Every structure is written in C-alpha cells, then in structure tokens.
C-alpha atoms as a PDB file:
ATOM      1  CA  ALA A   1      92.622 209.854-197.553  1.00  0.00           C
ATOM      2  CA  GLN A   2      95.726 208.274-199.058  1.00  0.00           C
ATOM      3  CA  GLU A   3      94.941 209.894-202.394  1.00  0.00           C
ATOM      4  CA  ALA A   4      94.703 213.303-200.700  1.00  0.00           C
ATOM      5  CA  GLN A   5      98.048 212.729-198.960  1.00  0.00           C
ATOM      6  CA  GLY A   6      99.636 211.835-202.292  1.00  0.00           C
ATOM      7  CA  ALA A   7      98.200 214.941-203.934  1.00  0.00           C
ATOM      8  CA  HIS A   8      99.418 217.070-201.026  1.00  0.00           C
ATOM      9  CA  ALA A   9     102.933 215.587-201.198  1.00  0.00           C
ATOM     10  CA  PHE A  10     103.008 216.190-204.966  1.00  0.00           C
ATOM     11  CA  ALA A  11     101.859 219.804-204.521  1.00  0.00           C
ATOM     12  CA  VAL A  12     104.459 220.497-201.813  1.00  0.00           C
ATOM     13  CA  GLU A  13     107.281 218.930-203.832  1.00  0.00           C
ATOM     14  CA  ASN A  14     106.275 220.837-206.963  1.00  0.00           C
ATOM     15  CA  ALA A  15     105.912 224.143-205.075  1.00  0.00           C
ATOM     16  CA  LEU A  16     109.355 223.721-203.484  1.00  0.00           C
ATOM     17  CA  ARG A  17     110.944 222.935-206.862  1.00  0.00           C
ATOM     18  CA  ILE A  18     109.364 226.023-208.442  1.00  0.00           C
ATOM     19  CA  THR A  19     110.318 228.210-205.465  1.00  0.00           C
ATOM     20  CA  GLU A  20     113.896 226.898-205.570  1.00  0.00           C
ATOM     21  CA  ARG A  21     114.191 227.728-209.286  1.00  0.00           C
ATOM     22  CA  THR A  22     112.581 231.149-208.842  1.00  0.00           C
ATOM     23  CA  THR A  23     114.929 231.924-205.949  1.00  0.00           C
ATOM     24  CA  TYR A  24     117.945 230.952-208.064  1.00  0.00           C
ATOM     25  CA  GLN A  25     116.740 233.249-210.850  1.00  0.00           C
ATOM     26  CA  ALA A  26     116.228 236.074-208.342  1.00  0.00           C
ATOM     27  CA  MET A  27     119.782 235.684-207.002  1.00  0.00           C
ATOM     28  CA  GLU A  28     121.107 235.499-210.564  1.00  0.00           C
ATOM     29  CA  ALA A  29     119.216 238.724-211.395  1.00  0.00           C
ATOM     30  CA  LEU A  30     120.541 240.428-208.249  1.00  0.00           C
ATOM     31  CA  ILE A  31     124.126 239.591-209.182  1.00  0.00           C
ATOM     32  CA  HIS A  32     123.703 240.577-212.832  1.00  0.00           C
ATOM     33  CA  ASN A  33     121.958 243.852-211.960  1.00  0.00           C
ATOM     34  CA  LEU A  34     124.576 244.853-209.388  1.00  0.00           C
ATOM     35  CA  ASN A  35     127.315 244.257-211.966  1.00  0.00           C
ATOM     36  CA  THR A  36     125.674 246.001-214.925  1.00  0.00           C
ATOM     37  CA  MET A  37     123.393 248.809-213.711  1.00  0.00           C
ATOM     38  CA  ASN A  38     125.393 252.021-213.891  1.00  0.00           C
ATOM     39  CA  SER A  39     123.629 254.101-211.290  1.00  0.00           C
ATOM     40  CA  ARG A  40     126.363 255.991-209.439  1.00  0.00           C
ATOM     41  CA  ALA A  41     128.240 259.137-210.378  1.00  0.00           C
ATOM     42  CA  GLY A  42     130.656 258.424-213.186  1.00  0.00           C
ATOM     43  CA  ALA A  43     128.435 255.639-214.520  1.00  0.00           C
ATOM     44  CA  GLN A  44     129.667 253.167-211.907  1.00  0.00           C
ATOM     45  CA  VAL A  45     127.847 250.107-210.645  1.00  0.00           C
ATOM     46  CA  PRO A  46     126.684 250.220-207.004  1.00  0.00           C
ATOM     47  CA  PHE A  47     129.417 249.255-204.555  1.00  0.00           C
ATOM     48  CA  SER A  48     127.403 246.728-202.600  1.00  0.00           C
ATOM     49  CA  SER A  49     128.061 244.113-199.916  1.00  0.00           C
ATOM     50  CA  LEU A  50     126.091 241.199-198.489  1.00  0.00           C
ATOM     51  CA  ASN A  51     126.885 239.500-195.169  1.00  0.00           C
ATOM     52  CA  TYR A  52     125.222 236.112-194.721  1.00  0.00           C
ATOM     53  CA  GLY A  53     125.678 232.576-193.432  1.00  0.00           C
ATOM     54  CA  THR A  54     123.922 232.458-190.070  1.00  0.00           C
ATOM     55  CA  ASP A  55     120.218 232.335-191.006  1.00  0.00           C
ATOM     56  CA  THR A  56     119.058 228.766-190.363  1.00  0.00           C
ATOM     57  CA  SER A  57     115.434 229.217-191.479  1.00  0.00           C
ATOM     58  CA  PRO A  58     114.401 227.196-194.568  1.00  0.00           C
ATOM     59  CA  GLU A  59     113.852 230.430-196.495  1.00  0.00           C
ATOM     60  CA  GLY A  60     117.185 231.939-195.449  1.00  0.00           C
ATOM     61  CA  ARG A  61     119.016 228.739-196.335  1.00  0.00           C
ATOM     62  CA  MET A  62     117.346 228.681-199.757  1.00  0.00           C
ATOM     63  CA  VAL A  63     118.386 232.272-200.491  1.00  0.00           C
ATOM     64  CA  MET A  64     121.992 231.708-199.325  1.00  0.00           C
ATOM     65  CA  LYS A  65     122.366 228.462-201.275  1.00  0.00           C
ATOM     66  CA  ASN A  66     121.052 230.009-204.479  1.00  0.00           C
ATOM     67  CA  LEU A  67     123.149 233.156-204.057  1.00  0.00           C
ATOM     68  CA  LEU A  68     126.220 230.928-203.801  1.00  0.00           C
ATOM     69  CA  LEU A  69     125.169 228.817-206.804  1.00  0.00           C
ATOM     70  CA  ALA A  70     124.482 231.918-208.922  1.00  0.00           C
ATOM     71  CA  THR A  71     127.876 233.327-207.895  1.00  0.00           C
ATOM     72  CA  GLU A  72     129.547 230.073-208.846  1.00  0.00           C
ATOM     73  CA  ALA A  73     127.851 230.130-212.274  1.00  0.00           C
ATOM     74  CA  GLY A  74     129.211 233.630-212.927  1.00  0.00           C
ATOM     75  CA  LEU A  75     128.008 236.319-215.293  1.00  0.00           C
ATOM     76  CA  GLY A  76     126.966 235.945-218.951  1.00  0.00           C
ATOM     77  CA  GLN A  77     130.224 234.565-220.325  1.00  0.00           C
ATOM     78  CA  GLY A  78     131.181 232.942-217.034  1.00  0.00           C
ATOM     79  CA  GLU A  79     132.989 236.027-215.708  1.00  0.00           C
ATOM     80  CA  THR A  80     133.448 236.336-211.952  1.00  0.00           C
ATOM     81  CA  PRO A  81     130.951 238.804-210.485  1.00  0.00           C
ATOM     82  CA  ILE A  82     132.631 241.536-208.447  1.00  0.00           C
ATOM     83  CA  PHE A  83     129.436 242.785-206.782  1.00  0.00           C
ATOM     84  CA  PRO A  84     127.952 242.310-204.378  1.00  0.00           C
ATOM     85  CA  VAL A  85     131.055 241.809-202.273  1.00  0.00           C
ATOM     86  CA  GLN A  86     130.002 238.741-200.322  1.00  0.00           C
ATOM     87  CA  ILE A  87     130.989 237.962-196.750  1.00  0.00           C
ATOM     88  CA  PHE A  88     130.091 234.548-195.329  1.00  0.00           C
ATOM     89  CA  LYS A  89     129.790 234.729-191.544  1.00  0.00           C
ATOM     90  CA  VAL A  90     131.248 231.630-189.855  1.00  0.00           C
ATOM     91  CA  LYS A  91     129.997 230.638-186.395  1.00  0.00           C
ATOM     92  CA  GLU A  92     130.396 227.502-184.282  1.00  0.00           C
ATOM     93  CA  GLY A  93     127.027 225.884-183.664  1.00  0.00           C
ATOM     94  CA  VAL A  94     125.653 227.421-186.853  1.00  0.00           C
ATOM     95  CA  ASN A  95     127.866 226.445-189.793  1.00  0.00           C
ATOM     96  CA  TYR A  96     131.476 225.738-188.749  1.00  0.00           C
ATOM     97  CA  ASN A  97     131.331 222.094-187.643  1.00  0.00           C
ATOM     98  CA  PRO A  98     129.876 218.962-189.228  1.00  0.00           C
ATOM     99  CA  GLY A  99     126.402 218.621-187.767  1.00  0.00           C
ATOM    100  CA  ASP A 100     125.824 222.382-187.583  1.00  0.00           C
ATOM    101  CA  PRO A 101     122.596 223.331-189.426  1.00  0.00           C
ATOM    102  CA  ASN A 102     124.377 225.405-192.104  1.00  0.00           C
ATOM    103  CA  TYR A 103     127.547 223.309-192.404  1.00  0.00           C
ATOM    104  CA  ASP A 104     126.549 222.347-195.961  1.00  0.00           C
ATOM    105  CA  LEU A 105     126.398 226.038-196.879  1.00  0.00           C
ATOM    106  CA  PHE A 106     129.816 226.664-195.312  1.00  0.00           C
ATOM    107  CA  LYS A 107     131.259 223.860-197.462  1.00  0.00           C
ATOM    108  CA  LEU A 108     129.519 225.283-200.546  1.00  0.00           C
ATOM    109  CA  SER A 109     130.856 228.764-199.738  1.00  0.00           C
ATOM    110  CA  ILE A 110     134.414 227.385-199.605  1.00  0.00           C
ATOM    111  CA  LYS A 111     133.925 225.686-202.977  1.00  0.00           C
ATOM    112  CA  VAL A 112     132.531 228.873-204.546  1.00  0.00           C
ATOM    113  CA  SER A 113     135.285 231.021-203.010  1.00  0.00           C
ATOM    114  CA  ALA A 114     137.940 228.703-204.433  1.00  0.00           C
ATOM    115  CA  LYS A 115     136.502 229.309-207.914  1.00  0.00           C
ATOM    116  CA  ARG A 116     135.278 232.926-207.721  1.00  0.00           C
ATOM    117  CA  LEU A 117     137.293 234.534-204.870  1.00  0.00           C
ATOM    118  CA  PHE A 118     133.963 235.333-203.182  1.00  0.00           C
ATOM    119  CA  PRO A 119     132.616 235.022-200.627  1.00  0.00           C
ATOM    120  CA  ASN A 120     135.153 236.373-198.162  1.00  0.00           C
ATOM    121  CA  PHE A 121     134.860 234.997-194.630  1.00  0.00           C
ATOM    122  CA  SER A 122     134.133 236.597-191.269  1.00  0.00           C
ATOM    123  CA  PHE A 123     134.776 234.482-188.187  1.00  0.00           C
ATOM    124  CA  LEU A 124     132.263 235.543-185.546  1.00  0.00           C
ATOM    125  CA  ASP A 125     134.066 233.495-182.869  1.00  0.00           C
ATOM    126  CA  ALA A 126     137.298 235.502-183.223  1.00  0.00           C
ATOM    127  CA  PRO A 127     137.834 237.375-179.924  1.00  0.00           C
ATOM    128  CA  PHE A 128     137.512 240.825-181.532  1.00  0.00           C
ATOM    129  CA  ASN A 129     134.101 239.811-182.965  1.00  0.00           C
ATOM    130  CA  LEU A 130     132.851 237.520-180.197  1.00  0.00           C
ATOM    131  CA  GLN A 131     132.919 240.328-177.624  1.00  0.00           C
ATOM    132  CA  TYR A 132     129.887 241.882-179.358  1.00  0.00           C
ATOM    133  CA  TYR A 133     127.937 238.692-180.059  1.00  0.00           C
ATOM    134  CA  LYS A 134     124.680 237.952-178.235  1.00  0.00           C
ATOM    135  CA  PRO A 135     123.087 234.582-179.149  1.00  0.00           C
ATOM    136  CA  GLY A 136     119.883 234.971-181.134  1.00  0.00           C
ATOM    137  CA  ASP A 137     120.493 238.652-181.960  1.00  0.00           C
ATOM    138  CA  TYR A 138     121.656 239.014-185.575  1.00  0.00           C
ATOM    139  CA  ASN A 139     122.185 242.720-184.943  1.00  0.00           C
ATOM    140  CA  THR A 140     125.227 241.801-182.816  1.00  0.00           C
ATOM    141  CA  GLU A 141     126.896 239.744-185.564  1.00  0.00           C
ATOM    142  CA  VAL A 142     129.826 241.807-186.852  1.00  0.00           C
ATOM    143  CA  ALA A 143     129.398 242.785-190.501  1.00  0.00           C
ATOM    144  CA  TYR A 144     131.749 244.125-193.152  1.00  0.00           C
ATOM    145  CA  MET A 145     131.174 246.621-195.946  1.00  0.00           C
ATOM    146  CA  GLY A 146     133.117 246.218-199.130  1.00  0.00           C
ATOM    147  CA  CYS A 147     136.524 244.722-198.586  1.00  0.00           C
ATOM    148  CA  ARG A 148     137.726 246.753-195.637  1.00  0.00           C
ATOM    149  CA  THR A 149     135.123 248.367-193.373  1.00  0.00           C
ATOM    150  CA  ARG A 150     134.173 246.465-190.213  1.00  0.00           C
ATOM    151  CA  VAL A 151     130.816 247.583-188.860  1.00  0.00           C
ATOM    152  CA  MET A 152     130.240 247.224-185.133  1.00  0.00           C
ATOM    153  CA  GLY A 153     132.167 249.248-182.567  1.00  0.00           C
ATOM    154  CA  ASN A 154     130.767 252.549-181.353  1.00  0.00           C
ATOM    155  CA  VAL A 155     133.084 254.560-179.097  1.00  0.00           C
ATOM    156  CA  HIS A 156     130.468 257.299-178.666  1.00  0.00           C
ATOM    157  CA  ASP A 157     127.604 255.079-177.445  1.00  0.00           C
ATOM    158  CA  ARG A 158     128.412 251.492-176.450  1.00  0.00           C
ATOM    159  CA  SER A 159     124.686 250.649-176.264  1.00  0.00           C
ATOM    160  CA  ARG A 160     124.516 251.196-180.037  1.00  0.00           C
ATOM    161  CA  GLU A 161     127.222 248.715-181.051  1.00  0.00           C
ATOM    162  CA  VAL A 162     125.067 247.119-183.737  1.00  0.00           C
ATOM    163  CA  THR A 163     125.300 246.305-187.433  1.00  0.00           C
ATOM    164  CA  CYS A 164     121.871 247.283-188.766  1.00  0.00           C
ATOM    165  CA  GLY A 165     121.417 250.879-189.849  1.00  0.00           C
ATOM    166  CA  ARG A 166     125.147 251.583-190.109  1.00  0.00           C
ATOM    167  CA  GLY A 167     127.153 252.776-193.096  1.00  0.00           C
ATOM    168  CA  ASN A 168     129.892 255.016-194.441  1.00  0.00           C
ATOM    169  CA  LEU A 169     129.457 258.624-195.450  1.00  0.00           C
ATOM    170  CA  SER A 170     132.919 258.744-196.964  1.00  0.00           C
ATOM    171  CA  PHE A 171     136.215 256.945-196.952  1.00  0.00           C
ATOM    172  CA  THR A 172     139.729 258.169-196.311  1.00  0.00           C
ATOM    173  CA  SER A 173     142.917 256.555-197.565  1.00  0.00           C
ATOM    174  CA  ILE A 174     146.170 257.252-195.753  1.00  0.00           C
ATOM    175  CA  ASN A 175     149.485 256.756-197.536  1.00  0.00           C
ATOM    176  CA  LEU A 176     151.517 255.589-194.527  1.00  0.00           C
ATOM    177  CA  PRO A 177     154.690 254.809-196.516  1.00  0.00           C
ATOM    178  CA  ARG A 178     154.777 258.381-197.901  1.00  0.00           C
ATOM    179  CA  ILE A 179     154.238 259.849-194.415  1.00  0.00           C
ATOM    180  CA  GLY A 180     157.101 257.681-193.142  1.00  0.00           C
ATOM    181  CA  ILE A 181     159.424 258.775-195.957  1.00  0.00           C
ATOM    182  CA  GLU A 182     158.581 262.442-195.480  1.00  0.00           C
ATOM    183  CA  ALA A 183     159.201 262.165-191.713  1.00  0.00           C
ATOM    184  CA  HIS A 184     162.927 261.494-192.362  1.00  0.00           C
ATOM    185  CA  GLY A 185     163.184 259.419-189.173  1.00  0.00           C
ATOM    186  CA  ASP A 186     161.322 261.906-186.964  1.00  0.00           C
ATOM    187  CA  VAL A 187     158.871 259.737-184.991  1.00  0.00           C
ATOM    188  CA  LYS A 188     157.050 262.765-183.567  1.00  0.00           C
END
C-alpha cells in the first residue's frame, strides 16, 4: 500500500511538472504568434487583448502564472511583447490583499509590469466598475479591449450589461484640441 502511495505521489508530481512546462510553452507560443503572425489587412498582427486575474481554479492559476512568466521572458531577443494587450483584473477577496487566493499572481503581475509595461490593471472595486459586479459571475467583471475600450455598460438594454460576446465594429478618434481651436471661443 505504501509503495502504491509513493508511485501515485511520483506520478502526480511528474504530471504536474510536465503540465506546468507545457502550459508555459503554450503561453510562450501564444505571445510569439500574436506578435509575429501577420493576418490582418496591411500585414498587421492581430490587435488582441486578454483580461485575467480572477480565476482561482488550479488550471486558471497555472495559465495566468505562465502567461505572466512568458511575458516577463519576452520575445526571441528579449523584446517586450506588445500583444496581447494584457489587463490584470484586481479584486479584494481574490487577489488584492495578502491571504487572497491569487495574491501571489497580483504580486507577479506587478513585477512583470515593472519590467514589460504589461499587464495593465483594472480595479474591479472602483465604484464605476463595482456597480456591475455580481459575485461568482465572471460575465459581470468589467473588461477592457486594447488600451482604451471599456466593455460593460449598455444604455439600450441594461439586462445585457455583460462582458462576454462584446466587441468593437470600428473606432472613432476625435481631435478635441482642433475642434476647440476652430470654435474660436464659441462654446455652442
């Protein structure tokens, strides 16, 4: 019986080590592919974003940790990967305080951000985000696309204020300084 327990412990430890390494390689491949595969018009790489930080499952934690470690390692010559734009979601009771289940990942995300400028951070407890949050429902955790689009509010249908299944069809940039100059002081 003790021999079987030892064999089982060895198998579990070995399987976890292999899975950890494979997950790191998968995150490394994701980052490299998103920074080198020209698949958009004009031979551009996909403008992609990942929001993460609140999954406390062992599998989710493994993916997040290895994504952060692969980001920290950088691309081939150590260059900082631009894509995917990464947003680490910060939430009390999940990762913000010592003792929270993902606090170690929050600390790692800060370390990686200090070196690579990513991930960016989204504070789910900020009043403008917390108003949407329902505990246990990841679909109510505010998400961001790229470096500027906040995905959540829905003025047409408040029952559909969710993150999943949302996106941009197009973007519009407004040159407010030019509009102000051309107005010549006319506020109307």
